[in-house]
């Protein structure tokens, strides 16, 4: 009788673990969508701070970091930290270091990171108009990614949840 209880506990544990994995995968879809929306907002504010308020890059990011919340705020504060660091990095170098340091903190896909890397090539190295043009292009590209992430999440979030539970149930049925 004790073996039967142990088997049942094991089966329940397998189903719970796979269901949790499905929920986490769905959560990651939602989190990527939020990170993209926050990055878009960051770039829109950056465009305003540089274009209309005529602030230098460091000051613009400082003001933006005060308004941001969540993981993307870490991106803004990391950029300021690298820009102010003792290494004397250029804005482009500080941007690349920021990307490297935030890869584990933000839920983004490879194309999302590519957009940020491309944008960093123009920060602080070109005149205001070229920077604004690069920022606007970054906003447009992120909007495209955001829309695709929204569609993917709407289509697949529930599917991943159910697949997690189904995979656990199937595993239990096959091995028990």
N, C-alpha and C. Protein backbone atom coordinates (compact mmCIF):
# COMPACT_ATOMS: atom_id res chain seq x y z
N UNK A 1 0.83 -1.20 0.00
CA UNK A 1 0.00 0.00 0.00
C UNK A 1 0.86 1.25 0.00
N UNK A 2 2.04 1.19 0.68
CA UNK A 2 2.92 2.36 0.73
C UNK A 2 3.49 2.69 -0.63
N UNK A 3 3.74 1.65 -1.45
CA UNK A 3 4.26 1.87 -2.80
C UNK A 3 3.26 2.57 -3.70
N UNK A 4 1.98 2.26 -3.50
CA UNK A 4 0.93 2.90 -4.30
C UNK A 4 0.84 4.39 -4.01
N UNK A 5 0.99 4.74 -2.73
CA UNK A 5 0.96 6.16 -2.35
C UNK A 5 2.16 6.91 -2.91
N UNK A 6 3.29 6.22 -2.89
CA UNK A 6 4.51 6.82 -3.42
C UNK A 6 4.39 7.05 -4.93
N UNK A 7 3.83 6.05 -5.63
CA UNK A 7 3.60 6.19 -7.07
C UNK A 7 2.66 7.35 -7.37
N UNK A 8 1.58 7.46 -6.60
CA UNK A 8 0.61 8.53 -6.79
C UNK A 8 1.27 9.89 -6.54
N UNK A 9 2.07 9.98 -5.48
CA UNK A 9 2.77 11.23 -5.18
C UNK A 9 3.72 11.59 -6.32
N UNK A 10 4.44 10.59 -6.83
CA UNK A 10 5.34 10.82 -7.95
C UNK A 10 4.60 11.28 -9.20
N UNK A 11 3.47 10.66 -9.47
CA UNK A 11 2.67 11.03 -10.64
C UNK A 11 2.17 12.47 -10.51
N UNK A 12 1.66 12.80 -9.32
CA UNK A 12 1.19 14.17 -9.10
C UNK A 12 2.33 15.18 -9.23
N UNK A 13 3.49 14.82 -8.73
CA UNK A 13 4.66 15.70 -8.82
C UNK A 13 5.05 15.95 -10.28
N UNK A 14 5.03 14.92 -11.09
CA UNK A 14 5.34 15.05 -12.51
C UNK A 14 4.33 15.96 -13.20
N UNK A 15 3.06 15.74 -12.93
CA UNK A 15 2.02 16.56 -13.56
C UNK A 15 2.14 18.02 -13.11
N UNK A 16 2.37 18.24 -11.82
CA UNK A 16 2.52 19.61 -11.31
C UNK A 16 3.73 20.31 -11.91
N UNK A 17 4.85 19.58 -12.01
CA UNK A 17 6.07 20.18 -12.56
C UNK A 17 5.89 20.56 -14.03
N UNK A 18 5.30 19.68 -14.80
CA UNK A 18 5.13 19.99 -16.23
C UNK A 18 4.09 21.09 -16.43
N UNK A 19 3.06 21.12 -15.59
CA UNK A 19 2.06 22.19 -15.66
C UNK A 19 2.72 23.52 -15.33
N UNK A 20 3.57 23.53 -14.29
CA UNK A 20 4.28 24.75 -13.92
C UNK A 20 5.19 25.21 -15.05
N UNK A 21 5.84 24.27 -15.72
CA UNK A 21 6.70 24.63 -16.85
C UNK A 21 5.89 25.29 -17.97
N UNK A 22 4.72 24.75 -18.25
CA UNK A 22 3.85 25.36 -19.26
C UNK A 22 3.42 26.77 -18.87
N UNK A 23 3.08 26.96 -17.60
CA UNK A 23 2.69 28.29 -17.12
C UNK A 23 3.87 29.25 -17.22
N UNK A 24 5.06 28.78 -16.87
CA UNK A 24 6.25 29.65 -16.95
C UNK A 24 6.53 30.06 -18.39
N UNK A 25 6.38 29.13 -19.30
CA UNK A 25 6.61 29.44 -20.72
C UNK A 25 5.61 30.51 -21.18
N UNK A 26 4.36 30.37 -20.78
CA UNK A 26 3.35 31.38 -21.10
C UNK A 26 3.67 32.72 -20.47
N UNK A 27 4.17 32.68 -19.25
CA UNK A 27 4.56 33.89 -18.54
C UNK A 27 5.70 34.60 -19.26
N UNK A 28 6.63 33.83 -19.80
CA UNK A 28 7.76 34.41 -20.54
C UNK A 28 7.28 35.15 -21.78
N UNK A 29 6.26 34.63 -22.44
CA UNK A 29 5.69 35.33 -23.59
C UNK A 29 5.13 36.69 -23.17
N UNK A 30 4.42 36.68 -22.06
CA UNK A 30 3.83 37.91 -21.56
C UNK A 30 4.91 38.90 -21.11
N UNK A 31 5.95 38.37 -20.49
CA UNK A 31 7.04 39.21 -19.99
C UNK A 31 7.82 39.85 -21.14
N UNK A 32 8.03 39.11 -22.21
CA UNK A 32 8.71 39.68 -23.37
C UNK A 32 7.90 40.83 -23.95
N UNK A 33 6.60 40.65 -24.03
CA UNK A 33 5.71 41.69 -24.54
C UNK A 33 5.84 42.95 -23.67
N UNK A 34 5.86 42.78 -22.36
CA UNK A 34 5.99 43.92 -21.44
C UNK A 34 7.35 44.57 -21.57
N UNK A 35 8.41 43.78 -21.66
CA UNK A 35 9.75 44.34 -21.83
C UNK A 35 9.86 45.16 -23.11
N UNK A 36 9.26 44.67 -24.19
CA UNK A 36 9.28 45.41 -25.45
C UNK A 36 8.50 46.72 -25.33
N UNK A 37 7.35 46.68 -24.68
CA UNK A 37 6.56 47.90 -24.49
C UNK A 37 7.34 48.92 -23.66
N UNK A 38 8.02 48.45 -22.62
CA UNK A 38 8.82 49.34 -21.78
C UNK A 38 10.02 49.90 -22.54
N UNK A 39 10.65 49.08 -23.38
CA UNK A 39 11.77 49.57 -24.20
C UNK A 39 11.29 50.62 -25.20
N UNK A 40 10.12 50.38 -25.79
CA UNK A 40 9.55 51.37 -26.71
C UNK A 40 9.34 52.69 -25.99
N UNK A 41 8.76 52.61 -24.79
CA UNK A 41 8.52 53.80 -23.98
C UNK A 41 9.84 54.51 -23.66
N UNK A 42 10.87 53.74 -23.30
CA UNK A 42 12.18 54.30 -23.01
C UNK A 42 12.69 55.08 -24.21
N UNK A 43 12.59 54.48 -25.40
CA UNK A 43 13.08 55.15 -26.61
C UNK A 43 12.24 56.37 -26.95
N UNK A 44 10.94 56.31 -26.72
CA UNK A 44 10.09 57.48 -26.98
C UNK A 44 10.46 58.63 -26.05
N UNK A 45 10.70 58.31 -24.79
CA UNK A 45 11.12 59.35 -23.85
C UNK A 45 12.50 59.88 -24.21
N UNK A 46 13.39 58.99 -24.67
CA UNK A 46 14.73 59.41 -25.08
C UNK A 46 14.63 60.37 -26.26
N UNK A 47 13.77 60.05 -27.20
CA UNK A 47 13.55 60.94 -28.34
C UNK A 47 13.10 62.32 -27.87
N UNK A 48 12.19 62.36 -26.92
CA UNK A 48 11.70 63.64 -26.39
C UNK A 48 12.80 64.39 -25.66
N UNK A 49 13.53 63.69 -24.81
CA UNK A 49 14.57 64.34 -24.01
C UNK A 49 15.69 64.91 -24.88
N UNK A 50 16.06 64.17 -25.92
CA UNK A 50 17.15 64.63 -26.79
C UNK A 50 16.63 65.64 -27.80
N UNK A 51 15.47 65.34 -28.39
CA UNK A 51 14.96 66.18 -29.48
C UNK A 51 14.34 67.48 -29.05
N UNK A 52 13.55 67.46 -27.98
CA UNK A 52 12.81 68.66 -27.58
C UNK A 52 13.41 69.35 -26.37
N UNK A 53 13.88 68.58 -25.41
CA UNK A 53 14.47 69.18 -24.21
C UNK A 53 15.96 69.44 -24.38
N UNK A 54 16.52 68.94 -25.48
CA UNK A 54 17.92 69.16 -25.85
C UNK A 54 18.89 68.74 -24.74
N UNK A 55 18.57 67.64 -24.08
CA UNK A 55 19.42 67.16 -23.00
C UNK A 55 20.55 66.28 -23.55
N UNK A 56 21.70 66.32 -22.90
CA UNK A 56 22.75 65.36 -23.25
C UNK A 56 22.30 63.94 -22.89
N UNK A 57 22.92 62.97 -23.52
CA UNK A 57 22.53 61.57 -23.38
C UNK A 57 22.47 61.10 -21.92
N UNK A 58 23.49 61.41 -21.14
CA UNK A 58 23.54 60.96 -19.75
C UNK A 58 22.39 61.56 -18.95
N UNK A 59 22.16 62.84 -19.12
CA UNK A 59 21.09 63.52 -18.40
C UNK A 59 19.72 62.99 -18.84
N UNK A 60 19.57 62.74 -20.13
CA UNK A 60 18.32 62.20 -20.66
C UNK A 60 18.04 60.84 -20.02
N UNK A 61 19.05 59.98 -19.96
CA UNK A 61 18.86 58.65 -19.38
C UNK A 61 18.59 58.73 -17.88
N UNK A 62 19.21 59.69 -17.21
CA UNK A 62 18.95 59.84 -15.79
C UNK A 62 17.48 60.19 -15.56
N UNK A 63 16.97 61.14 -16.33
CA UNK A 63 15.56 61.54 -16.18
C UNK A 63 14.62 60.37 -16.52
N UNK A 64 14.97 59.64 -17.56
CA UNK A 64 14.14 58.50 -17.97
C UNK A 64 14.16 57.42 -16.89
N UNK A 65 15.32 57.16 -16.31
CA UNK A 65 15.44 56.10 -15.30
C UNK A 65 14.56 56.39 -14.09
N UNK A 66 14.28 57.66 -13.83
CA UNK A 66 13.42 58.03 -12.71
C UNK A 66 11.96 57.66 -12.98
N UNK A 67 11.57 57.58 -14.25
CA UNK A 67 10.19 57.29 -14.62
C UNK A 67 9.92 55.82 -14.87
N UNK A 68 10.95 55.08 -15.23
CA UNK A 68 10.78 53.67 -15.60
C UNK A 68 10.62 52.78 -14.37
N UNK A 69 9.94 51.66 -14.58
CA UNK A 69 9.82 50.65 -13.55
C UNK A 69 10.10 49.29 -14.18
N UNK A 70 10.36 48.32 -13.35
CA UNK A 70 10.57 46.97 -13.85
C UNK A 70 11.97 46.75 -14.39
N UNK A 71 12.10 45.70 -15.17
CA UNK A 71 13.41 45.28 -15.67
C UNK A 71 14.07 46.33 -16.56
N UNK A 72 13.28 47.04 -17.34
CA UNK A 72 13.85 48.01 -18.28
C UNK A 72 14.48 49.19 -17.53
N UNK A 73 14.02 49.47 -16.32
CA UNK A 73 14.66 50.52 -15.53
C UNK A 73 16.10 50.12 -15.20
N UNK A 74 16.33 48.80 -15.03
CA UNK A 74 17.69 48.31 -14.81
C UNK A 74 18.59 48.61 -16.01
N UNK A 75 18.00 48.54 -17.20
CA UNK A 75 18.74 48.84 -18.42
C UNK A 75 19.21 50.30 -18.39
N UNK A 76 18.30 51.21 -18.07
CA UNK A 76 18.63 52.64 -18.05
C UNK A 76 19.68 52.95 -16.98
N UNK A 77 19.52 52.39 -15.79
CA UNK A 77 20.48 52.68 -14.73
C UNK A 77 21.84 52.03 -15.02
N UNK A 78 21.84 50.87 -15.64
CA UNK A 78 23.10 50.23 -16.02
C UNK A 78 23.84 51.09 -17.04
N UNK A 79 23.10 51.65 -17.99
CA UNK A 79 23.73 52.50 -19.00
C UNK A 79 24.40 53.71 -18.34
N UNK A 80 23.71 54.34 -17.42
CA UNK A 80 24.29 55.49 -16.70
C UNK A 80 25.54 55.06 -15.94
N UNK A 81 25.45 53.90 -15.26
CA UNK A 81 26.58 53.40 -14.48
C UNK A 81 27.81 53.16 -15.38
N UNK A 82 27.60 52.55 -16.55
CA UNK A 82 28.72 52.31 -17.46
C UNK A 82 29.24 53.62 -18.05
N UNK A 83 28.35 54.54 -18.33
CA UNK A 83 28.74 55.84 -18.90
C UNK A 83 29.57 56.63 -17.90
N UNK A 84 29.21 56.55 -16.62
CA UNK A 84 29.91 57.28 -15.56
C UNK A 84 31.11 56.52 -15.00
N UNK A 85 31.30 55.29 -15.44
CA UNK A 85 32.34 54.42 -14.88
C UNK A 85 33.74 54.95 -15.08
N UNK A 86 34.68 54.40 -14.32
CA UNK A 86 36.08 54.86 -14.38
C UNK A 86 36.79 54.51 -15.69
N UNK A 87 36.17 53.60 -16.49
CA UNK A 87 36.81 53.20 -17.75
C UNK A 87 36.77 54.30 -18.80
N UNK A 88 35.88 55.28 -18.63
CA UNK A 88 35.75 56.36 -19.60
C UNK A 88 35.19 55.87 -20.93
N UNK A 89 34.16 55.04 -20.86
CA UNK A 89 33.58 54.46 -22.07
C UNK A 89 32.82 55.51 -22.88
N UNK A 90 32.83 55.32 -24.19
CA UNK A 90 31.98 56.15 -25.04
C UNK A 90 30.53 55.70 -24.85
N UNK A 91 29.59 56.49 -25.35
CA UNK A 91 28.18 56.11 -25.22
C UNK A 91 27.92 54.77 -25.90
N UNK A 92 28.50 54.55 -27.08
CA UNK A 92 28.32 53.28 -27.78
C UNK A 92 28.87 52.10 -27.01
N UNK A 93 30.06 52.29 -26.41
CA UNK A 93 30.66 51.21 -25.61
C UNK A 93 29.83 50.94 -24.36
N UNK A 94 29.36 52.02 -23.71
CA UNK A 94 28.53 51.87 -22.51
C UNK A 94 27.22 51.15 -22.87
N UNK A 95 26.69 51.46 -24.05
CA UNK A 95 25.44 50.82 -24.50
C UNK A 95 25.66 49.32 -24.69
N UNK A 96 26.78 48.95 -25.34
CA UNK A 96 27.08 47.53 -25.56
C UNK A 96 27.29 46.79 -24.24
N UNK A 97 27.98 47.42 -23.29
CA UNK A 97 28.18 46.82 -21.97
C UNK A 97 26.84 46.65 -21.26
N UNK A 98 25.96 47.62 -21.44
CA UNK A 98 24.63 47.55 -20.83
C UNK A 98 23.86 46.37 -21.40
N UNK A 99 23.93 46.20 -22.71
CA UNK A 99 23.25 45.07 -23.35
C UNK A 99 23.78 43.76 -22.78
N UNK A 100 25.11 43.65 -22.68
CA UNK A 100 25.72 42.42 -22.14
C UNK A 100 25.26 42.15 -20.71
N UNK A 101 25.20 43.21 -19.91
CA UNK A 101 24.85 43.02 -18.49
C UNK A 101 23.36 42.75 -18.29
N UNK A 102 22.53 43.11 -19.26
CA UNK A 102 21.07 42.96 -19.09
C UNK A 102 20.49 41.75 -19.82
N UNK A 103 21.30 41.01 -20.54
CA UNK A 103 20.79 39.85 -21.29
C UNK A 103 20.07 38.85 -20.38
N UNK A 104 20.55 38.69 -19.17
CA UNK A 104 19.94 37.72 -18.24
C UNK A 104 18.72 38.31 -17.53
N UNK A 105 18.61 39.63 -17.51
CA UNK A 105 17.55 40.28 -16.74
C UNK A 105 16.28 40.55 -17.54
N UNK A 106 16.43 40.71 -18.86
CA UNK A 106 15.28 41.03 -19.72
C UNK A 106 14.90 39.81 -20.54
N UNK A 107 13.61 39.64 -20.75
CA UNK A 107 13.12 38.54 -21.58
C UNK A 107 12.93 39.10 -22.99
N UNK A 108 13.94 38.92 -23.82
CA UNK A 108 13.91 39.40 -25.20
C UNK A 108 14.43 38.32 -26.13
N UNK A 109 13.99 38.37 -27.38
CA UNK A 109 14.45 37.43 -28.39
C UNK A 109 15.66 38.02 -29.11
N UNK A 110 16.36 37.21 -29.86
CA UNK A 110 17.56 37.66 -30.59
C UNK A 110 17.30 38.89 -31.47
N UNK A 111 16.18 38.95 -32.22
CA UNK A 111 15.95 40.16 -33.03
C UNK A 111 15.77 41.42 -32.18
N UNK A 112 15.24 41.27 -30.97
CA UNK A 112 15.06 42.42 -30.08
C UNK A 112 16.42 42.97 -29.66
N UNK A 113 17.33 42.05 -29.32
CA UNK A 113 18.68 42.47 -28.92
C UNK A 113 19.40 43.12 -30.10
N UNK A 114 19.16 42.61 -31.31
CA UNK A 114 19.80 43.17 -32.50
C UNK A 114 19.37 44.63 -32.70
N UNK A 115 18.10 44.92 -32.46
CA UNK A 115 17.60 46.30 -32.58
C UNK A 115 18.36 47.20 -31.61
N UNK A 116 18.53 46.73 -30.38
CA UNK A 116 19.24 47.53 -29.38
C UNK A 116 20.71 47.70 -29.75
N UNK A 117 21.32 46.63 -30.26
CA UNK A 117 22.73 46.74 -30.68
C UNK A 117 22.90 47.73 -31.81
N UNK A 118 22.00 47.68 -32.79
CA UNK A 118 22.06 48.63 -33.91
C UNK A 118 21.91 50.06 -33.43
N UNK A 119 21.00 50.27 -32.51
CA UNK A 119 20.77 51.62 -31.98
C UNK A 119 22.01 52.15 -31.28
N UNK A 120 22.69 51.29 -30.54
CA UNK A 120 23.88 51.70 -29.80
C UNK A 120 25.00 52.22 -30.67
N UNK A 121 25.04 51.79 -31.91
CA UNK A 121 26.09 52.25 -32.83
C UNK A 121 25.97 53.75 -33.12
N UNK A 122 24.78 54.31 -32.95
CA UNK A 122 24.56 55.72 -33.27
C UNK A 122 24.52 56.63 -32.05
N UNK A 123 24.46 56.05 -30.87
CA UNK A 123 24.35 56.89 -29.68
C UNK A 123 25.66 57.57 -29.35
N UNK A 124 25.61 58.87 -29.26
CA UNK A 124 26.78 59.64 -28.87
C UNK A 124 27.85 59.78 -29.93
N UNK A 125 27.69 59.14 -31.09
CA UNK A 125 28.73 59.20 -32.11
C UNK A 125 28.32 60.06 -33.30
N UNK A 126 27.04 60.37 -33.38
CA UNK A 126 26.56 61.18 -34.51
C UNK A 126 25.88 62.43 -33.96
N UNK A 127 25.51 63.33 -34.86
CA UNK A 127 24.85 64.55 -34.40
C UNK A 127 23.43 64.23 -33.93
N UNK A 128 22.78 65.22 -33.35
CA UNK A 128 21.46 65.05 -32.74
C UNK A 128 20.44 64.50 -33.74
N UNK A 129 20.43 65.02 -34.96
CA UNK A 129 19.44 64.57 -35.95
C UNK A 129 19.62 63.11 -36.32
N UNK A 130 20.87 62.67 -36.48
CA UNK A 130 21.10 61.26 -36.82
C UNK A 130 20.75 60.35 -35.63
N UNK A 131 21.01 60.83 -34.42
CA UNK A 131 20.63 60.04 -33.24
C UNK A 131 19.11 59.92 -33.16
N UNK A 132 18.43 61.03 -33.40
CA UNK A 132 16.96 61.01 -33.36
C UNK A 132 16.40 60.09 -34.44
N UNK A 133 17.02 60.12 -35.61
CA UNK A 133 16.58 59.24 -36.70
C UNK A 133 16.77 57.77 -36.29
N UNK A 134 17.91 57.47 -35.67
CA UNK A 134 18.18 56.09 -35.23
C UNK A 134 17.21 55.68 -34.12
N UNK A 135 16.88 56.60 -33.23
CA UNK A 135 15.94 56.31 -32.15
C UNK A 135 14.55 56.03 -32.74
N UNK A 136 14.12 56.87 -33.68
CA UNK A 136 12.80 56.66 -34.31
C UNK A 136 12.76 55.31 -35.03
N UNK A 137 13.83 54.98 -35.72
CA UNK A 137 13.90 53.69 -36.40
C UNK A 137 13.84 52.55 -35.38
N UNK A 138 14.54 52.71 -34.27
CA UNK A 138 14.49 51.71 -33.20
C UNK A 138 13.08 51.54 -32.65
N UNK A 139 12.38 52.66 -32.48
CA UNK A 139 10.99 52.62 -31.99
C UNK A 139 10.12 51.85 -32.97
N UNK A 140 10.26 52.15 -34.25
CA UNK A 140 9.45 51.46 -35.27
C UNK A 140 9.74 49.96 -35.28
N UNK A 141 11.01 49.61 -35.18
CA UNK A 141 11.38 48.19 -35.20
C UNK A 141 10.88 47.46 -33.95
N UNK A 142 10.95 48.13 -32.81
CA UNK A 142 10.46 47.53 -31.57
C UNK A 142 8.94 47.38 -31.62
N UNK A 143 8.26 48.37 -32.22
CA UNK A 143 6.80 48.26 -32.37
C UNK A 143 6.41 47.03 -33.18
N UNK A 144 7.18 46.75 -34.22
CA UNK A 144 6.92 45.56 -35.04
C UNK A 144 7.11 44.30 -34.20
N UNK A 145 8.21 44.25 -33.44
CA UNK A 145 8.46 43.10 -32.57
C UNK A 145 7.37 42.97 -31.50
N UNK A 146 6.95 44.12 -30.98
CA UNK A 146 5.92 44.13 -29.93
C UNK A 146 4.60 43.57 -30.45
N UNK A 147 4.23 43.98 -31.66
CA UNK A 147 3.00 43.48 -32.27
C UNK A 147 3.10 41.97 -32.49
N UNK A 148 4.23 41.51 -33.00
CA UNK A 148 4.42 40.07 -33.22
C UNK A 148 4.38 39.31 -31.90
N UNK A 149 4.99 39.88 -30.85
CA UNK A 149 4.98 39.23 -29.54
C UNK A 149 3.57 39.17 -28.97
N UNK A 150 2.81 40.23 -29.19
CA UNK A 150 1.42 40.29 -28.74
C UNK A 150 0.60 39.18 -29.40
N UNK A 151 0.76 39.06 -30.72
CA UNK A 151 0.03 38.03 -31.47
C UNK A 151 0.44 36.63 -31.03
N UNK A 152 1.73 36.45 -30.85
CA UNK A 152 2.23 35.13 -30.44
C UNK A 152 1.73 34.77 -29.05
N UNK A 153 1.75 35.74 -28.14
CA UNK A 153 1.28 35.48 -26.78
C UNK A 153 -0.21 35.16 -26.78
N UNK A 154 -0.98 35.93 -27.54
CA UNK A 154 -2.43 35.70 -27.59
C UNK A 154 -2.73 34.31 -28.15
N UNK A 155 -1.93 33.89 -29.11
CA UNK A 155 -2.16 32.61 -29.78
C UNK A 155 -1.63 31.43 -28.96
N UNK A 156 -0.51 31.61 -28.29
CA UNK A 156 0.18 30.46 -27.71
C UNK A 156 0.18 30.36 -26.18
N UNK A 157 -0.18 31.42 -25.48
CA UNK A 157 -0.06 31.39 -24.03
C UNK A 157 -0.88 30.26 -23.40
N UNK A 158 -2.14 30.17 -23.75
CA UNK A 158 -2.98 29.09 -23.22
C UNK A 158 -2.50 27.73 -23.71
N UNK A 159 -2.05 27.69 -24.96
CA UNK A 159 -1.56 26.43 -25.53
C UNK A 159 -0.41 25.88 -24.70
N UNK A 160 0.55 26.74 -24.33
CA UNK A 160 1.69 26.28 -23.53
C UNK A 160 1.24 25.76 -22.17
N UNK A 161 0.25 26.42 -21.59
CA UNK A 161 -0.26 25.95 -20.29
C UNK A 161 -0.84 24.54 -20.42
N UNK A 162 -1.68 24.35 -21.43
CA UNK A 162 -2.32 23.05 -21.63
C UNK A 162 -1.31 21.99 -22.03
N UNK A 163 -0.34 22.38 -22.87
CA UNK A 163 0.68 21.41 -23.28
C UNK A 163 1.50 20.94 -22.09
N UNK A 164 1.79 21.85 -21.17
CA UNK A 164 2.54 21.46 -19.97
C UNK A 164 1.80 20.41 -19.18
N UNK A 165 0.51 20.64 -18.97
CA UNK A 165 -0.29 19.69 -18.22
C UNK A 165 -0.44 18.37 -19.00
N UNK A 166 -0.66 18.47 -20.30
CA UNK A 166 -0.83 17.27 -21.12
C UNK A 166 0.46 16.45 -21.17
N UNK A 167 1.60 17.13 -21.26
CA UNK A 167 2.88 16.41 -21.30
C UNK A 167 3.10 15.65 -19.99
N UNK A 168 2.78 16.28 -18.88
CA UNK A 168 2.93 15.61 -17.59
C UNK A 168 2.00 14.41 -17.47
N UNK A 169 0.77 14.60 -17.90
CA UNK A 169 -0.21 13.50 -17.84
C UNK A 169 0.23 12.35 -18.74
N UNK A 170 0.69 12.69 -19.93
CA UNK A 170 1.16 11.65 -20.86
C UNK A 170 2.36 10.90 -20.27
N UNK A 171 3.27 11.63 -19.67
CA UNK A 171 4.44 10.99 -19.06
C UNK A 171 4.01 10.01 -17.97
N UNK A 172 3.07 10.44 -17.15
CA UNK A 172 2.56 9.57 -16.09
C UNK A 172 1.92 8.33 -16.69
N UNK A 173 1.09 8.51 -17.72
CA UNK A 173 0.41 7.37 -18.35
C UNK A 173 1.40 6.40 -18.99
N UNK A 174 2.47 6.94 -19.57
CA UNK A 174 3.45 6.07 -20.23
C UNK A 174 4.31 5.29 -19.24
N UNK A 175 4.67 5.92 -18.14
CA UNK A 175 5.63 5.28 -17.22
C UNK A 175 4.98 4.62 -16.01
N UNK A 176 3.70 4.83 -15.82
CA UNK A 176 3.06 4.21 -14.65
C UNK A 176 2.09 3.22 -15.13
